[in-house]
Amino acid sequence: MIQIRGLYRPVLVDFPTGGRYVISGSTWIPVDDAVTLSDIKWIPSHKLKNNDLGFYKKEWQVKGSTGKEYTVKYQKGFGWWCGCLGFSFRKKCKHITDLKEMHKNN
C-alpha cells in the first residue's frame, strides 16, 4: 500500500518520456508501472493540524488599493495564494505580505 498525503484525491500519471507517478496537489511519488489507484491510500491533508500560524486552512477577502476585492488563501503544506495579478506574475503580493504581518503581530 502506497500512502500519499495531499489536498486532492490522487491520480496516476504516465509520462510519454517514461515514469509513472501518483500525484496529489504538489506531492508527486514515483511508482511502479503495475501500481493502480486501488494500491494507493490517500490521506487528506486538510486533516493536519498545528502550524506556525495557528491554523491549517484559511481564506480572506481583502480590498486592494483600487477598491477591488481579492481572495487570499493560506494552506499548510501549500503556502499562500492570492487572486491578484501581482501574485499571478511574481508569486508574491502586498495582500499576502499584509496578512502575514497582521498574524505575526497577533
C-alpha atoms as a PDB file:
ATOM      1  CA  MET A   1       0.000   0.000   0.000  1.00  0.00           C
ATOM      2  CA  ILE A   2       1.361   3.404  -1.004  1.00  0.00           C
ATOM      3  CA  GLN A   3       0.314   6.339   1.173  1.00  0.00           C
ATOM      4  CA  ILE A   4       0.090   9.855  -0.186  1.00  0.00           C
ATOM      5  CA  ARG A   5      -0.835  12.955   1.767  1.00  0.00           C
ATOM      6  CA  GLY A   6      -2.319  15.818  -0.191  1.00  0.00           C
ATOM      7  CA  LEU A   7      -5.178  18.206  -0.653  1.00  0.00           C
ATOM      8  CA  TYR A   8      -6.667  16.430  -3.689  1.00  0.00           C
ATOM      9  CA  ARG A   9      -7.595  12.846  -4.436  1.00  0.00           C
ATOM     10  CA  PRO A  10      -4.585  11.183  -6.042  1.00  0.00           C
ATOM     11  CA  VAL A  11      -4.241  10.452  -9.740  1.00  0.00           C
ATOM     12  CA  LEU A  12      -1.850   8.201 -11.626  1.00  0.00           C
ATOM     13  CA  VAL A  13       0.096   9.826 -14.450  1.00  0.00           C
ATOM     14  CA  ASP A  14       2.193   8.040 -17.075  1.00  0.00           C
ATOM     15  CA  PHE A  15       4.655  10.289 -18.890  1.00  0.00           C
ATOM     16  CA  PRO A  16       5.484   9.610 -22.558  1.00  0.00           C
ATOM     17  CA  THR A  17       9.174  10.028 -21.758  1.00  0.00           C
ATOM     18  CA  GLY A  18       8.891   7.320 -19.125  1.00  0.00           C
ATOM     19  CA  GLY A  19       7.934   7.199 -15.491  1.00  0.00           C
ATOM     20  CA  ARG A  20       4.711   6.823 -13.589  1.00  0.00           C
ATOM     21  CA  TYR A  21       3.707   8.983 -10.646  1.00  0.00           C
ATOM     22  CA  VAL A  22       0.913   9.158  -8.142  1.00  0.00           C
ATOM     23  CA  ILE A  23       0.078  12.846  -7.679  1.00  0.00           C
ATOM     24  CA  SER A  24      -1.958  14.737  -5.088  1.00  0.00           C
ATOM     25  CA  GLY A  25      -1.609  18.514  -5.377  1.00  0.00           C
ATOM     26  CA  SER A  26       2.098  19.307  -5.224  1.00  0.00           C
ATOM     27  CA  THR A  27       3.041  15.841  -3.897  1.00  0.00           C
ATOM     28  CA  TRP A  28       4.481  13.516  -6.543  1.00  0.00           C
ATOM     29  CA  ILE A  29       5.598   9.966  -5.768  1.00  0.00           C
ATOM     30  CA  PRO A  30       7.257   7.771  -8.429  1.00  0.00           C
ATOM     31  CA  VAL A  31       5.602   4.344  -8.605  1.00  0.00           C
ATOM     32  CA  ASP A  32       5.995   1.076 -10.482  1.00  0.00           C
ATOM     33  CA  ASP A  33       4.032   0.538 -13.701  1.00  0.00           C
ATOM     34  CA  ALA A  34       1.927  -2.166 -12.015  1.00  0.00           C
ATOM     35  CA  VAL A  35       0.508   0.218  -9.365  1.00  0.00           C
ATOM     36  CA  THR A  36      -3.213   1.032  -9.646  1.00  0.00           C
ATOM     37  CA  LEU A  37      -5.358   3.525  -7.734  1.00  0.00           C
ATOM     38  CA  SER A  38      -6.601   0.693  -5.515  1.00  0.00           C
ATOM     39  CA  ASP A  39      -2.980   0.310  -4.287  1.00  0.00           C
ATOM     40  CA  ILE A  40      -2.928   3.901  -3.018  1.00  0.00           C
ATOM     41  CA  LYS A  41      -4.148   5.200   0.326  1.00  0.00           C
ATOM     42  CA  TRP A  42      -4.983   8.908   0.270  1.00  0.00           C
ATOM     43  CA  ILE A  43      -4.544  10.871   3.490  1.00  0.00           C
ATOM     44  CA  PRO A  44      -6.333  14.212   3.021  1.00  0.00           C
ATOM     45  CA  SER A  45      -4.008  16.995   4.121  1.00  0.00           C
ATOM     46  CA  HIS A  46      -6.907  19.058   5.480  1.00  0.00           C
ATOM     47  CA  LYS A  47      -6.864  16.709   8.486  1.00  0.00           C
ATOM     48  CA  LEU A  48      -3.448  18.024   9.518  1.00  0.00           C
ATOM     49  CA  LYS A  49      -3.310  20.458  12.434  1.00  0.00           C
ATOM     50  CA  ASN A  50      -0.996  22.831  14.270  1.00  0.00           C
ATOM     51  CA  ASN A  51       1.183  25.066  12.199  1.00  0.00           C
ATOM     52  CA  ASP A  52       3.165  28.205  12.767  1.00  0.00           C
ATOM     53  CA  LEU A  53       0.207  30.489  12.005  1.00  0.00           C
ATOM     54  CA  GLY A  54      -2.167  28.693  14.351  1.00  0.00           C
ATOM     55  CA  PHE A  55      -4.485  27.497  11.579  1.00  0.00           C
ATOM     56  CA  TYR A  56      -4.367  24.935   8.827  1.00  0.00           C
ATOM     57  CA  LYS A  57      -6.514  26.448   6.110  1.00  0.00           C
ATOM     58  CA  LYS A  58      -7.800  29.974   5.965  1.00  0.00           C
ATOM     59  CA  GLU A  59      -9.327  32.291   3.397  1.00  0.00           C
ATOM     60  CA  TRP A  60      -9.742  36.073   3.471  1.00  0.00           C
ATOM     61  CA  GLN A  61     -11.375  38.698   1.280  1.00  0.00           C
ATOM     62  CA  VAL A  62      -9.078  41.732   1.110  1.00  0.00           C
ATOM     63  CA  LYS A  63      -9.608  45.079  -0.537  1.00  0.00           C
ATOM     64  CA  GLY A  64      -6.851  46.268  -2.877  1.00  0.00           C
ATOM     65  CA  SER A  65      -5.644  49.838  -3.310  1.00  0.00           C
ATOM     66  CA  THR A  66      -8.154  50.437  -6.121  1.00  0.00           C
ATOM     67  CA  GLY A  67     -11.054  49.069  -4.070  1.00  0.00           C
ATOM     68  CA  LYS A  68     -11.213  45.727  -5.870  1.00  0.00           C
ATOM     69  CA  GLU A  69     -11.636  42.671  -3.623  1.00  0.00           C
ATOM     70  CA  TYR A  70      -9.230  39.730  -3.825  1.00  0.00           C
ATOM     71  CA  THR A  71      -9.319  36.297  -2.254  1.00  0.00           C
ATOM     72  CA  VAL A  72      -6.186  35.387  -0.286  1.00  0.00           C
ATOM     73  CA  LYS A  73      -5.722  31.805   0.908  1.00  0.00           C
ATOM     74  CA  TYR A  74      -3.260  30.026   3.146  1.00  0.00           C
ATOM     75  CA  GLN A  75      -2.992  26.257   3.250  1.00  0.00           C
ATOM     76  CA  LYS A  76      -0.449  24.373   5.320  1.00  0.00           C
ATOM     77  CA  GLY A  77       1.876  22.458   3.068  1.00  0.00           C
ATOM     78  CA  PHE A  78       0.956  24.569   0.052  1.00  0.00           C
ATOM     79  CA  GLY A  79       1.539  28.097   1.295  1.00  0.00           C
ATOM     80  CA  TRP A  80      -0.074  31.362   0.262  1.00  0.00           C
ATOM     81  CA  TRP A  81      -2.151  32.244  -2.788  1.00  0.00           C
ATOM     82  CA  CYS A  82      -3.813  35.490  -3.923  1.00  0.00           C
ATOM     83  CA  GLY A  83      -6.172  36.201  -6.789  1.00  0.00           C
ATOM     84  CA  CYS A  84      -4.447  39.459  -7.762  1.00  0.00           C
ATOM     85  CA  LEU A  85      -2.359  39.983 -10.912  1.00  0.00           C
ATOM     86  CA  GLY A  86       0.784  40.691  -8.892  1.00  0.00           C
ATOM     87  CA  PHE A  87       0.673  37.225  -7.361  1.00  0.00           C
ATOM     88  CA  SER A  88      -0.036  35.561 -10.703  1.00  0.00           C
ATOM     89  CA  PHE A  89       3.165  37.093 -12.136  1.00  0.00           C
ATOM     90  CA  ARG A  90       5.528  37.208  -9.123  1.00  0.00           C
ATOM     91  CA  LYS A  91       4.079  34.622  -6.698  1.00  0.00           C
ATOM     92  CA  LYS A  92       4.049  37.321  -4.009  1.00  0.00           C
ATOM     93  CA  CYS A  93       1.973  40.433  -3.374  1.00  0.00           C
ATOM     94  CA  LYS A  94       1.241  43.128  -0.807  1.00  0.00           C
ATOM     95  CA  HIS A  95      -2.063  41.460   0.162  1.00  0.00           C
ATOM     96  CA  ILE A  96      -0.234  38.365   1.410  1.00  0.00           C
ATOM     97  CA  THR A  97       2.556  40.437   2.982  1.00  0.00           C
ATOM     98  CA  ASP A  98      -0.012  42.491   4.907  1.00  0.00           C
ATOM     99  CA  LEU A  99      -1.855  39.374   6.161  1.00  0.00           C
ATOM    100  CA  LYS A 100       1.394  37.703   7.254  1.00  0.00           C
ATOM    101  CA  GLU A 101       2.400  40.848   9.145  1.00  0.00           C
ATOM    102  CA  MET A 102      -1.031  41.057  10.778  1.00  0.00           C
ATOM    103  CA  HIS A 103      -0.807  37.438  12.015  1.00  0.00           C
ATOM    104  CA  LYS A 104       2.783  37.854  13.155  1.00  0.00           C
ATOM    105  CA  ASN A 105       1.767  40.714  15.442  1.00  0.00           C
ATOM    106  CA  ASN A 106      -1.298  38.965  16.922  1.00  0.00           C
END
